[in-house]
Amino acid sequence: MDISEKEIKSELDLLDDLIQNYYKQLEKNGDEKVKLGDFLKMIELRRKLSPENSEQKKFWKMLNKIRKDNLQNKEETNHVQKTEKNDEQ
């Protein structure tokens, strides 16, 4: 599955909105359901998902390369098998 830059941006925007809303609730400090630990987890998730993270980009590029190589190998194998069957007939 190839994740596009647009999908990542959309998900990051959603996460940013969630973080902002949660921060506003933390400021009010009247809601006992709102916990600082949850807010910090959201911040950490945002950092991990950030497209600026070069390690994350390298990981997705490597994953896409592996996927493409596997698809190419399967296509080549299927082509060879079809050619062999046609030669036998």
N, C-alpha and C. Protein backbone atom coordinates (compact mmCIF):
# COMPACT_ATOMS: atom_id res chain seq x y z
N MET A 1 0.85 -1.18 0.00
CA MET A 1 0.00 0.00 0.00
C MET A 1 0.89 1.24 0.00
N ASP A 2 0.66 2.09 -0.94
CA ASP A 2 1.46 3.29 -1.09
C ASP A 2 0.72 4.45 -0.44
N ILE A 3 1.35 5.08 0.53
CA ILE A 3 0.74 6.20 1.21
C ILE A 3 1.22 7.47 0.53
N SER A 4 0.28 8.24 0.02
CA SER A 4 0.65 9.46 -0.69
C SER A 4 0.92 10.60 0.28
N GLU A 5 1.65 11.59 -0.21
CA GLU A 5 1.95 12.77 0.60
C GLU A 5 0.65 13.47 1.03
N LYS A 6 -0.34 13.46 0.13
CA LYS A 6 -1.61 14.12 0.42
C LYS A 6 -2.34 13.42 1.57
N GLU A 7 -2.33 12.08 1.58
CA GLU A 7 -2.97 11.34 2.66
C GLU A 7 -2.27 11.59 3.99
N ILE A 8 -0.94 11.64 3.97
CA ILE A 8 -0.19 11.90 5.19
C ILE A 8 -0.53 13.29 5.71
N LYS A 9 -0.58 14.27 4.82
CA LYS A 9 -0.89 15.65 5.23
C LYS A 9 -2.28 15.71 5.83
N SER A 10 -3.23 15.04 5.22
CA SER A 10 -4.60 15.03 5.72
C SER A 10 -4.66 14.43 7.13
N GLU A 11 -3.97 13.31 7.32
CA GLU A 11 -3.95 12.67 8.63
C GLU A 11 -3.23 13.54 9.65
N LEU A 12 -2.17 14.20 9.23
CA LEU A 12 -1.45 15.08 10.15
C LEU A 12 -2.29 16.29 10.52
N ASP A 13 -3.05 16.82 9.57
CA ASP A 13 -3.94 17.94 9.88
C ASP A 13 -4.99 17.53 10.91
N LEU A 14 -5.52 16.34 10.74
CA LEU A 14 -6.50 15.83 11.70
C LEU A 14 -5.88 15.68 13.08
N LEU A 15 -4.69 15.13 13.13
CA LEU A 15 -3.99 14.97 14.40
C LEU A 15 -3.66 16.32 15.02
N ASP A 16 -3.25 17.29 14.19
CA ASP A 16 -2.97 18.64 14.70
C ASP A 16 -4.21 19.26 15.33
N ASP A 17 -5.36 19.09 14.68
CA ASP A 17 -6.61 19.61 15.24
C ASP A 17 -6.93 18.97 16.57
N LEU A 18 -6.74 17.66 16.63
CA LEU A 18 -6.99 16.94 17.87
C LEU A 18 -6.08 17.44 18.99
N ILE A 19 -4.82 17.65 18.67
CA ILE A 19 -3.85 18.14 19.66
C ILE A 19 -4.26 19.53 20.15
N GLN A 20 -4.66 20.40 19.23
CA GLN A 20 -5.07 21.75 19.63
C GLN A 20 -6.29 21.73 20.54
N ASN A 21 -7.28 20.91 20.17
CA ASN A 21 -8.49 20.81 21.00
C ASN A 21 -8.17 20.25 22.38
N TYR A 22 -7.33 19.25 22.41
CA TYR A 22 -6.96 18.63 23.68
C TYR A 22 -6.18 19.63 24.54
N TYR A 23 -5.33 20.43 23.91
CA TYR A 23 -4.56 21.44 24.65
C TYR A 23 -5.49 22.48 25.27
N LYS A 24 -6.50 22.90 24.52
CA LYS A 24 -7.47 23.87 25.05
C LYS A 24 -8.18 23.29 26.29
N GLN A 25 -8.50 22.00 26.24
CA GLN A 25 -9.14 21.37 27.39
C GLN A 25 -8.18 21.28 28.57
N LEU A 26 -6.91 21.04 28.28
CA LEU A 26 -5.90 21.01 29.35
C LEU A 26 -5.78 22.38 30.03
N GLU A 27 -5.84 23.45 29.23
CA GLU A 27 -5.74 24.80 29.77
C GLU A 27 -6.88 25.10 30.75
N LYS A 28 -8.06 24.64 30.41
CA LYS A 28 -9.22 24.86 31.28
C LYS A 28 -9.04 24.13 32.60
N ASN A 29 -8.40 22.96 32.52
CA ASN A 29 -8.08 22.15 33.70
C ASN A 29 -9.31 21.78 34.52
N GLY A 30 -10.50 21.94 33.95
CA GLY A 30 -11.71 21.60 34.68
C GLY A 30 -12.19 20.19 34.36
N ASP A 31 -11.70 19.63 33.29
CA ASP A 31 -12.15 18.31 32.86
C ASP A 31 -11.19 17.25 33.38
N GLU A 32 -11.71 16.38 34.22
CA GLU A 32 -10.85 15.33 34.79
C GLU A 32 -10.51 14.24 33.78
N LYS A 33 -11.26 14.16 32.69
CA LYS A 33 -11.01 13.15 31.67
C LYS A 33 -9.74 13.46 30.87
N VAL A 34 -9.36 14.71 30.85
CA VAL A 34 -8.20 15.15 30.07
C VAL A 34 -6.94 14.93 30.91
N LYS A 35 -5.99 14.19 30.32
CA LYS A 35 -4.76 13.85 31.05
C LYS A 35 -3.55 14.34 30.26
N LEU A 36 -2.58 14.84 30.98
CA LEU A 36 -1.36 15.33 30.37
C LEU A 36 -0.62 14.21 29.63
N GLY A 37 -0.62 13.00 30.17
CA GLY A 37 0.05 11.87 29.53
C GLY A 37 -0.51 11.57 28.15
N ASP A 38 -1.83 11.67 28.00
CA ASP A 38 -2.45 11.45 26.69
C ASP A 38 -2.03 12.53 25.70
N PHE A 39 -1.95 13.77 26.19
CA PHE A 39 -1.52 14.88 25.34
C PHE A 39 -0.09 14.66 24.86
N LEU A 40 0.78 14.23 25.75
CA LEU A 40 2.18 13.98 25.38
C LEU A 40 2.30 12.83 24.38
N LYS A 41 1.44 11.82 24.52
CA LYS A 41 1.43 10.71 23.55
C LYS A 41 1.04 11.21 22.16
N MET A 42 0.09 12.14 22.10
CA MET A 42 -0.32 12.71 20.81
C MET A 42 0.83 13.48 20.18
N ILE A 43 1.55 14.24 20.99
CA ILE A 43 2.69 15.00 20.49
C ILE A 43 3.76 14.05 19.94
N GLU A 44 4.02 12.97 20.66
CA GLU A 44 5.02 11.99 20.22
C GLU A 44 4.58 11.32 18.92
N LEU A 45 3.30 10.98 18.81
CA LEU A 45 2.77 10.39 17.58
C LEU A 45 2.93 11.36 16.41
N ARG A 46 2.65 12.62 16.67
CA ARG A 46 2.80 13.64 15.62
C ARG A 46 4.24 13.71 15.14
N ARG A 47 5.17 13.65 16.07
CA ARG A 47 6.58 13.71 15.71
C ARG A 47 6.97 12.50 14.88
N LYS A 48 6.47 11.33 15.24
CA LYS A 48 6.81 10.11 14.51
C LYS A 48 6.22 10.11 13.11
N LEU A 49 5.06 10.69 12.94
CA LEU A 49 4.39 10.69 11.64
C LEU A 49 4.80 11.85 10.75
N SER A 50 5.57 12.74 11.28
CA SER A 50 5.97 13.93 10.53
C SER A 50 6.75 13.54 9.28
N PRO A 51 6.34 14.06 8.12
CA PRO A 51 7.05 13.72 6.88
C PRO A 51 8.46 14.29 6.83
N GLU A 52 8.78 15.23 7.70
CA GLU A 52 10.13 15.78 7.73
C GLU A 52 11.12 14.79 8.33
N ASN A 53 10.61 13.79 8.99
CA ASN A 53 11.47 12.80 9.62
C ASN A 53 12.14 11.96 8.54
N SER A 54 13.43 12.18 8.33
CA SER A 54 14.13 11.51 7.23
C SER A 54 14.17 10.00 7.41
N GLU A 55 14.24 9.53 8.63
CA GLU A 55 14.24 8.08 8.86
C GLU A 55 12.92 7.47 8.43
N GLN A 56 11.84 8.17 8.68
CA GLN A 56 10.51 7.69 8.28
C GLN A 56 10.43 7.64 6.75
N LYS A 57 10.94 8.68 6.10
CA LYS A 57 10.92 8.70 4.64
C LYS A 57 11.75 7.55 4.07
N LYS A 58 12.92 7.32 4.66
CA LYS A 58 13.77 6.22 4.19
C LYS A 58 13.06 4.89 4.35
N PHE A 59 12.36 4.71 5.46
CA PHE A 59 11.64 3.46 5.70
C PHE A 59 10.58 3.23 4.63
N TRP A 60 9.76 4.26 4.33
CA TRP A 60 8.70 4.10 3.34
C TRP A 60 9.26 3.89 1.94
N LYS A 61 10.37 4.56 1.62
CA LYS A 61 11.00 4.34 0.31
C LYS A 61 11.51 2.91 0.19
N MET A 62 12.13 2.41 1.26
CA MET A 62 12.64 1.04 1.26
C MET A 62 11.48 0.05 1.11
N LEU A 63 10.40 0.29 1.84
CA LEU A 63 9.24 -0.59 1.77
C LEU A 63 8.63 -0.59 0.37
N ASN A 64 8.52 0.57 -0.25
CA ASN A 64 7.99 0.65 -1.61
C ASN A 64 8.90 -0.05 -2.61
N LYS A 65 10.20 0.08 -2.44
CA LYS A 65 11.15 -0.58 -3.34
C LYS A 65 11.01 -2.10 -3.23
N ILE A 66 10.90 -2.60 -2.01
CA ILE A 66 10.73 -4.05 -1.81
C ILE A 66 9.44 -4.52 -2.46
N ARG A 67 8.37 -3.75 -2.28
CA ARG A 67 7.08 -4.13 -2.86
C ARG A 67 7.17 -4.16 -4.38
N LYS A 68 7.78 -3.13 -4.97
CA LYS A 68 7.91 -3.08 -6.43
C LYS A 68 8.79 -4.20 -6.96
N ASP A 69 9.88 -4.49 -6.26
CA ASP A 69 10.76 -5.59 -6.67
C ASP A 69 10.02 -6.92 -6.64
N ASN A 70 9.23 -7.14 -5.58
CA ASN A 70 8.48 -8.39 -5.48
C ASN A 70 7.44 -8.51 -6.58
N LEU A 71 6.75 -7.41 -6.88
CA LEU A 71 5.76 -7.44 -7.96
C LEU A 71 6.44 -7.70 -9.30
N GLN A 72 7.57 -7.09 -9.52
CA GLN A 72 8.29 -7.28 -10.77
C GLN A 72 8.75 -8.73 -10.90
N ASN A 73 9.27 -9.31 -9.83
CA ASN A 73 9.71 -10.71 -9.86
C ASN A 73 8.55 -11.65 -10.13
N LYS A 74 7.38 -11.38 -9.54
CA LYS A 74 6.20 -12.22 -9.79
C LYS A 74 5.77 -12.13 -11.24
N GLU A 75 5.79 -10.91 -11.79
CA GLU A 75 5.41 -10.74 -13.19
C GLU A 75 6.37 -11.46 -14.12
N GLU A 76 7.66 -11.39 -13.83
CA GLU A 76 8.66 -12.08 -14.65
C GLU A 76 8.48 -13.59 -14.56
N THR A 77 8.22 -14.09 -13.36
CA THR A 77 8.01 -15.52 -13.17
C THR A 77 6.78 -15.99 -13.93
N ASN A 78 5.70 -15.23 -13.85
CA ASN A 78 4.48 -15.58 -14.57
C ASN A 78 4.70 -15.56 -16.08
N HIS A 79 5.46 -14.60 -16.56
CA HIS A 79 5.74 -14.50 -17.99
C HIS A 79 6.56 -15.72 -18.45
N VAL A 80 7.56 -16.11 -17.67
CA VAL A 80 8.40 -17.26 -18.02
C VAL A 80 7.56 -18.53 -18.02
N GLN A 81 6.69 -18.69 -17.04
CA GLN A 81 5.85 -19.88 -16.97
C GLN A 81 4.90 -19.95 -18.16
N LYS A 82 4.32 -18.82 -18.55
CA LYS A 82 3.42 -18.80 -19.70
C LYS A 82 4.18 -19.13 -20.98
N THR A 83 5.39 -18.62 -21.12
CA THR A 83 6.22 -18.87 -22.30
C THR A 83 6.57 -20.35 -22.38
N GLU A 84 6.92 -20.94 -21.25
CA GLU A 84 7.26 -22.38 -21.21
C GLU A 84 6.06 -23.23 -21.60
N LYS A 85 4.86 -22.86 -21.13
CA LYS A 85 3.66 -23.62 -21.46
C LYS A 85 3.37 -23.52 -22.97
N ASN A 86 3.55 -22.34 -23.50
CA ASN A 86 3.31 -22.16 -24.95
C ASN A 86 4.32 -22.93 -25.77
N ASP A 87 5.56 -23.02 -25.33
CA ASP A 87 6.59 -23.79 -26.03
C ASP A 87 6.30 -25.28 -26.01
N GLU A 88 5.71 -25.77 -24.91
CA GLU A 88 5.39 -27.18 -24.77
C GLU A 88 4.27 -27.59 -25.70
N GLN A 89 3.38 -26.67 -25.99
CA GLN A 89 2.21 -27.01 -26.83
C GLN A 89 2.63 -26.99 -28.24
